[in-house]
Amino acid sequence: MKTISILIAAVVLVTSATASTDLFIGRWILDVQHSKYPAGTCPKSMVIEMETAGTGIRYHSETTYANGSKTQANYHATYNGQQAVVMGARGMLLPVSLKKIDHHTVVASYARLLQVVATSRRVVSADGQIMTITTISRDASGKRVTTIGVYEKQHEQQR
């Protein structure tokens, strides 16, 4: 019994340490004024929440556009580059794979038919308060499109 208690305590400590050292964990609010999107495509608002889930993260986002339409995305992924299923309000979206480059940087790749169609580089600032997501994709005509979303970390007392 004592061994089980010690084992449970060790697992809780490791999980807590992982959560506190992953700078991406938390609630992030889009700063529309500092973000750069192609004309007419910037969301009115977006909230991203990431939390520790096993050896990876659980991701949830909610986006509202200028016309009032809303979308959401949910997935559970690890930082090992394996594809994870992404679910939206109307079904499956493009699968994502995550790779942690360093303590402050994660690259998310989105694939269609095993070909990467978009890449998002997520970078958390040195103070852990700003996350910048630079996404490169192609529009319907094949032209390269870059968006830069700037997010501020929201703390418990701000909710």
C-alpha atoms as a PDB file:
ATOM      1  CA  MET A   1       0.000   0.000   0.000  1.00  0.00           C
ATOM      2  CA  LYS A   2       2.853   2.362   0.885  1.00  0.00           C
ATOM      3  CA  THR A   3       4.505   1.625  -2.490  1.00  0.00           C
ATOM      4  CA  ILE A   4       1.287   2.480  -4.366  1.00  0.00           C
ATOM      5  CA  SER A   5       0.964   5.787  -2.471  1.00  0.00           C
ATOM      6  CA  ILE A   6       4.558   6.705  -3.295  1.00  0.00           C
ATOM      7  CA  LEU A   7       4.030   5.766  -6.948  1.00  0.00           C
ATOM      8  CA  ILE A   8       0.865   7.889  -7.181  1.00  0.00           C
ATOM      9  CA  ALA A   9       2.662  10.838  -5.559  1.00  0.00           C
ATOM     10  CA  ALA A  10       5.533  10.491  -8.052  1.00  0.00           C
ATOM     11  CA  VAL A  11       3.127  10.465 -11.017  1.00  0.00           C
ATOM     12  CA  VAL A  12       1.348  13.578  -9.695  1.00  0.00           C
ATOM     13  CA  LEU A  13       4.681  15.383  -9.250  1.00  0.00           C
ATOM     14  CA  VAL A  14       5.883  14.490 -12.763  1.00  0.00           C
ATOM     15  CA  THR A  15       2.535  15.550 -14.292  1.00  0.00           C
ATOM     16  CA  SER A  16       2.621  18.840 -12.360  1.00  0.00           C
ATOM     17  CA  ALA A  17       6.209  19.496 -13.401  1.00  0.00           C
ATOM     18  CA  THR A  18       5.342  18.818 -17.050  1.00  0.00           C
ATOM     19  CA  ALA A  19       2.356  21.173 -16.912  1.00  0.00           C
ATOM     20  CA  SER A  20       4.338  23.966 -15.293  1.00  0.00           C
ATOM     21  CA  THR A  21       7.271  23.684 -17.707  1.00  0.00           C
ATOM     22  CA  ASP A  22       5.186  23.579 -20.914  1.00  0.00           C
ATOM     23  CA  LEU A  23       4.848  27.266 -21.766  1.00  0.00           C
ATOM     24  CA  PHE A  24       2.009  26.514 -24.197  1.00  0.00           C
ATOM     25  CA  ILE A  25      -0.353  25.291 -21.484  1.00  0.00           C
ATOM     26  CA  GLY A  26      -3.036  27.837 -20.652  1.00  0.00           C
ATOM     27  CA  ARG A  27      -5.722  30.061 -22.121  1.00  0.00           C
ATOM     28  CA  TRP A  28      -4.648  32.354 -24.986  1.00  0.00           C
ATOM     29  CA  ILE A  29      -6.705  35.282 -26.343  1.00  0.00           C
ATOM     30  CA  LEU A  30      -6.154  36.639 -29.881  1.00  0.00           C
ATOM     31  CA  ASP A  31      -4.923  40.250 -29.956  1.00  0.00           C
ATOM     32  CA  VAL A  32      -6.636  41.319 -33.174  1.00  0.00           C
ATOM     33  CA  GLN A  33      -4.845  44.692 -33.357  1.00  0.00           C
ATOM     34  CA  HIS A  34      -1.362  43.150 -33.333  1.00  0.00           C
ATOM     35  CA  SER A  35      -2.209  40.210 -35.616  1.00  0.00           C
ATOM     36  CA  LYS A  36      -1.728  40.223 -39.385  1.00  0.00           C
ATOM     37  CA  TYR A  37      -4.201  38.422 -41.639  1.00  0.00           C
ATOM     38  CA  PRO A  38      -5.046  38.811 -45.339  1.00  0.00           C
ATOM     39  CA  ALA A  39      -7.790  41.408 -45.863  1.00  0.00           C
ATOM     40  CA  GLY A  40     -11.177  40.285 -44.565  1.00  0.00           C
ATOM     41  CA  THR A  41      -9.969  37.055 -42.930  1.00  0.00           C
ATOM     42  CA  CYS A  42      -9.005  38.133 -39.400  1.00  0.00           C
ATOM     43  CA  PRO A  43     -11.291  36.656 -36.760  1.00  0.00           C
ATOM     44  CA  LYS A  44     -13.285  39.009 -34.568  1.00  0.00           C
ATOM     45  CA  SER A  45     -12.154  36.903 -31.616  1.00  0.00           C
ATOM     46  CA  MET A  46     -10.344  33.644 -30.925  1.00  0.00           C
ATOM     47  CA  VAL A  47      -9.557  31.761 -27.747  1.00  0.00           C
ATOM     48  CA  ILE A  48      -7.134  28.839 -27.608  1.00  0.00           C
ATOM     49  CA  GLU A  49      -6.947  26.613 -24.549  1.00  0.00           C
ATOM     50  CA  MET A  50      -4.223  24.004 -24.133  1.00  0.00           C
ATOM     51  CA  GLU A  51      -3.875  21.701 -21.170  1.00  0.00           C
ATOM     52  CA  THR A  52      -1.679  18.777 -20.263  1.00  0.00           C
ATOM     53  CA  ALA A  53      -3.176  15.412 -21.206  1.00  0.00           C
ATOM     54  CA  GLY A  54      -0.997  12.386 -20.534  1.00  0.00           C
ATOM     55  CA  THR A  55       2.252  12.833 -22.449  1.00  0.00           C
ATOM     56  CA  GLY A  56       0.769  15.457 -24.753  1.00  0.00           C
ATOM     57  CA  ILE A  57      -1.730  18.279 -24.862  1.00  0.00           C
ATOM     58  CA  ARG A  58      -5.451  18.726 -25.255  1.00  0.00           C
ATOM     59  CA  TYR A  59      -6.221  21.645 -27.593  1.00  0.00           C
ATOM     60  CA  HIS A  60      -9.516  23.508 -27.864  1.00  0.00           C
ATOM     61  CA  SER A  61     -10.166  26.703 -29.816  1.00  0.00           C
ATOM     62  CA  GLU A  62     -13.231  28.829 -30.436  1.00  0.00           C
ATOM     63  CA  THR A  63     -13.266  31.435 -33.196  1.00  0.00           C
ATOM     64  CA  THR A  64     -15.834  34.102 -34.065  1.00  0.00           C
ATOM     65  CA  TYR A  65     -15.654  35.888 -37.431  1.00  0.00           C
ATOM     66  CA  ALA A  66     -16.855  39.369 -38.404  1.00  0.00           C
ATOM     67  CA  ASN A  67     -20.013  37.938 -40.013  1.00  0.00           C
ATOM     68  CA  GLY A  68     -20.936  36.231 -36.724  1.00  0.00           C
ATOM     69  CA  SER A  69     -20.104  32.683 -37.821  1.00  0.00           C
ATOM     70  CA  LYS A  70     -18.286  30.536 -35.291  1.00  0.00           C
ATOM     71  CA  THR A  71     -15.933  27.572 -35.492  1.00  0.00           C
ATOM     72  CA  GLN A  72     -14.171  25.369 -33.026  1.00  0.00           C
ATOM     73  CA  ALA A  73     -11.399  22.789 -33.106  1.00  0.00           C
ATOM     74  CA  ASN A  74     -10.463  20.063 -30.643  1.00  0.00           C
ATOM     75  CA  TYR A  75      -7.661  17.525 -30.528  1.00  0.00           C
ATOM     76  CA  HIS A  76      -5.324  15.576 -28.280  1.00  0.00           C
ATOM     77  CA  ALA A  77      -1.752  15.294 -29.586  1.00  0.00           C
ATOM     78  CA  THR A  78       1.776  14.559 -28.457  1.00  0.00           C
ATOM     79  CA  TYR A  79       4.909  16.438 -29.544  1.00  0.00           C
ATOM     80  CA  ASN A  80       6.286  13.396 -31.405  1.00  0.00           C
ATOM     81  CA  GLY A  81       5.202  14.331 -34.940  1.00  0.00           C
ATOM     82  CA  GLN A  82       2.433  11.709 -35.186  1.00  0.00           C
ATOM     83  CA  GLN A  83      -0.827  12.843 -36.766  1.00  0.00           C
ATOM     84  CA  ALA A  84      -3.796  13.491 -34.497  1.00  0.00           C
ATOM     85  CA  VAL A  85      -7.444  13.744 -35.490  1.00  0.00           C
ATOM     86  CA  VAL A  86      -8.874  17.273 -35.270  1.00  0.00           C
ATOM     87  CA  MET A  87     -12.608  17.592 -34.696  1.00  0.00           C
ATOM     88  CA  GLY A  88     -14.697  20.667 -35.446  1.00  0.00           C
ATOM     89  CA  ALA A  89     -18.349  21.507 -34.871  1.00  0.00           C
ATOM     90  CA  ARG A  90     -19.286  19.880 -38.190  1.00  0.00           C
ATOM     91  CA  GLY A  91     -16.940  16.885 -38.140  1.00  0.00           C
ATOM     92  CA  MET A  92     -13.311  16.097 -38.857  1.00  0.00           C
ATOM     93  CA  LEU A  93     -10.880  18.789 -39.930  1.00  0.00           C
ATOM     94  CA  LEU A  94      -7.343  18.380 -41.296  1.00  0.00           C
ATOM     95  CA  PRO A  95      -5.209  16.188 -39.019  1.00  0.00           C
ATOM     96  CA  VAL A  96      -2.352  17.869 -37.145  1.00  0.00           C
ATOM     97  CA  SER A  97       1.098  16.712 -36.074  1.00  0.00           C
ATOM     98  CA  LEU A  98       3.132  18.590 -33.469  1.00  0.00           C
ATOM     99  CA  LYS A  99       6.889  18.802 -33.023  1.00  0.00           C
ATOM    100  CA  LYS A 100       8.463  20.668 -30.128  1.00  0.00           C
ATOM    101  CA  ILE A 101      11.562  22.425 -31.459  1.00  0.00           C
ATOM    102  CA  ASP A 102      12.595  23.891 -28.110  1.00  0.00           C
ATOM    103  CA  HIS A 103      11.020  25.098 -24.860  1.00  0.00           C
ATOM    104  CA  HIS A 104       9.463  28.115 -26.640  1.00  0.00           C
ATOM    105  CA  THR A 105       8.670  26.713 -30.109  1.00  0.00           C
ATOM    106  CA  VAL A 106       6.238  24.137 -31.511  1.00  0.00           C
ATOM    107  CA  VAL A 107       5.598  23.455 -35.189  1.00  0.00           C
ATOM    108  CA  ALA A 108       2.134  22.212 -36.135  1.00  0.00           C
ATOM    109  CA  SER A 109       1.734  20.636 -39.578  1.00  0.00           C
ATOM    110  CA  TYR A 110      -1.663  20.065 -41.189  1.00  0.00           C
ATOM    111  CA  ALA A 111      -1.979  17.403 -43.885  1.00  0.00           C
ATOM    112  CA  ARG A 112      -4.413  16.425 -46.617  1.00  0.00           C
ATOM    113  CA  LEU A 113      -3.890  13.040 -48.285  1.00  0.00           C
ATOM    114  CA  LEU A 114      -0.510  12.680 -46.534  1.00  0.00           C
ATOM    115  CA  GLN A 115       0.748  15.985 -47.961  1.00  0.00           C
ATOM    116  CA  VAL A 116       1.411  18.958 -45.675  1.00  0.00           C
ATOM    117  CA  VAL A 117      -0.859  21.825 -46.757  1.00  0.00           C
ATOM    118  CA  ALA A 118      -0.241  24.266 -43.888  1.00  0.00           C
ATOM    119  CA  THR A 119       2.379  24.804 -41.201  1.00  0.00           C
ATOM    120  CA  SER A 120       1.993  26.874 -38.049  1.00  0.00           C
ATOM    121  CA  ARG A 121       5.025  27.907 -36.024  1.00  0.00           C
ATOM    122  CA  ARG A 122       3.973  28.678 -32.443  1.00  0.00           C
ATOM    123  CA  VAL A 123       6.446  30.701 -30.407  1.00  0.00           C
ATOM    124  CA  VAL A 124       5.977  31.718 -26.767  1.00  0.00           C
ATOM    125  CA  SER A 125       7.857  34.823 -25.606  1.00  0.00           C
ATOM    126  CA  ALA A 126      10.660  34.634 -23.032  1.00  0.00           C
ATOM    127  CA  ASP A 127       8.307  35.886 -20.305  1.00  0.00           C
ATOM    128  CA  GLY A 128       5.642  33.314 -21.286  1.00  0.00           C
ATOM    129  CA  GLN A 129       2.929  35.946 -21.814  1.00  0.00           C
ATOM    130  CA  ILE A 130       2.721  36.227 -25.632  1.00  0.00           C
ATOM    131  CA  MET A 131       2.310  33.435 -28.169  1.00  0.00           C
ATOM    132  CA  THR A 132       2.816  34.242 -31.845  1.00  0.00           C
ATOM    133  CA  ILE A 133       1.465  31.762 -34.380  1.00  0.00           C
ATOM    134  CA  THR A 134       2.774  32.204 -37.926  1.00  0.00           C
ATOM    135  CA  THR A 135       0.850  30.044 -40.390  1.00  0.00           C
ATOM    136  CA  ILE A 136       1.896  29.441 -43.977  1.00  0.00           C
ATOM    137  CA  SER A 137      -0.579  27.874 -46.394  1.00  0.00           C
ATOM    138  CA  ARG A 138      -1.842  28.299 -49.954  1.00  0.00           C
ATOM    139  CA  ASP A 139      -5.098  29.866 -51.086  1.00  0.00           C
ATOM    140  CA  ALA A 140      -7.464  28.347 -53.671  1.00  0.00           C
ATOM    141  CA  SER A 141      -5.315  29.684 -56.531  1.00  0.00           C
ATOM    142  CA  GLY A 142      -2.131  28.186 -55.058  1.00  0.00           C
ATOM    143  CA  LYS A 143      -0.723  31.525 -53.869  1.00  0.00           C
ATOM    144  CA  ARG A 144       1.297  31.391 -50.636  1.00  0.00           C
ATOM    145  CA  VAL A 145      -0.568  32.997 -47.708  1.00  0.00           C
ATOM    146  CA  THR A 146       0.993  33.949 -44.368  1.00  0.00           C
ATOM    147  CA  THR A 147      -1.017  34.842 -41.279  1.00  0.00           C
ATOM    148  CA  ILE A 148       0.392  35.994 -37.964  1.00  0.00           C
ATOM    149  CA  GLY A 149      -1.777  35.606 -34.893  1.00  0.00           C
ATOM    150  CA  VAL A 150      -0.614  37.261 -31.680  1.00  0.00           C
ATOM    151  CA  TYR A 151      -2.130  35.845 -28.480  1.00  0.00           C
ATOM    152  CA  GLU A 152      -1.952  37.042 -24.891  1.00  0.00           C
ATOM    153  CA  LYS A 153      -1.972  34.538 -22.044  1.00  0.00           C
ATOM    154  CA  GLN A 154      -4.990  34.962 -19.815  1.00  0.00           C
ATOM    155  CA  HIS A 155      -4.476  34.278 -16.132  1.00  0.00           C
ATOM    156  CA  GLU A 156      -7.076  32.840 -13.743  1.00  0.00           C
ATOM    157  CA  GLN A 157      -7.853  36.220 -12.143  1.00  0.00           C
ATOM    158  CA  GLN A 158      -8.600  37.707 -15.617  1.00  0.00           C
ATOM    159  CA  ARG A 159     -11.385  35.231 -16.424  1.00  0.00           C
END
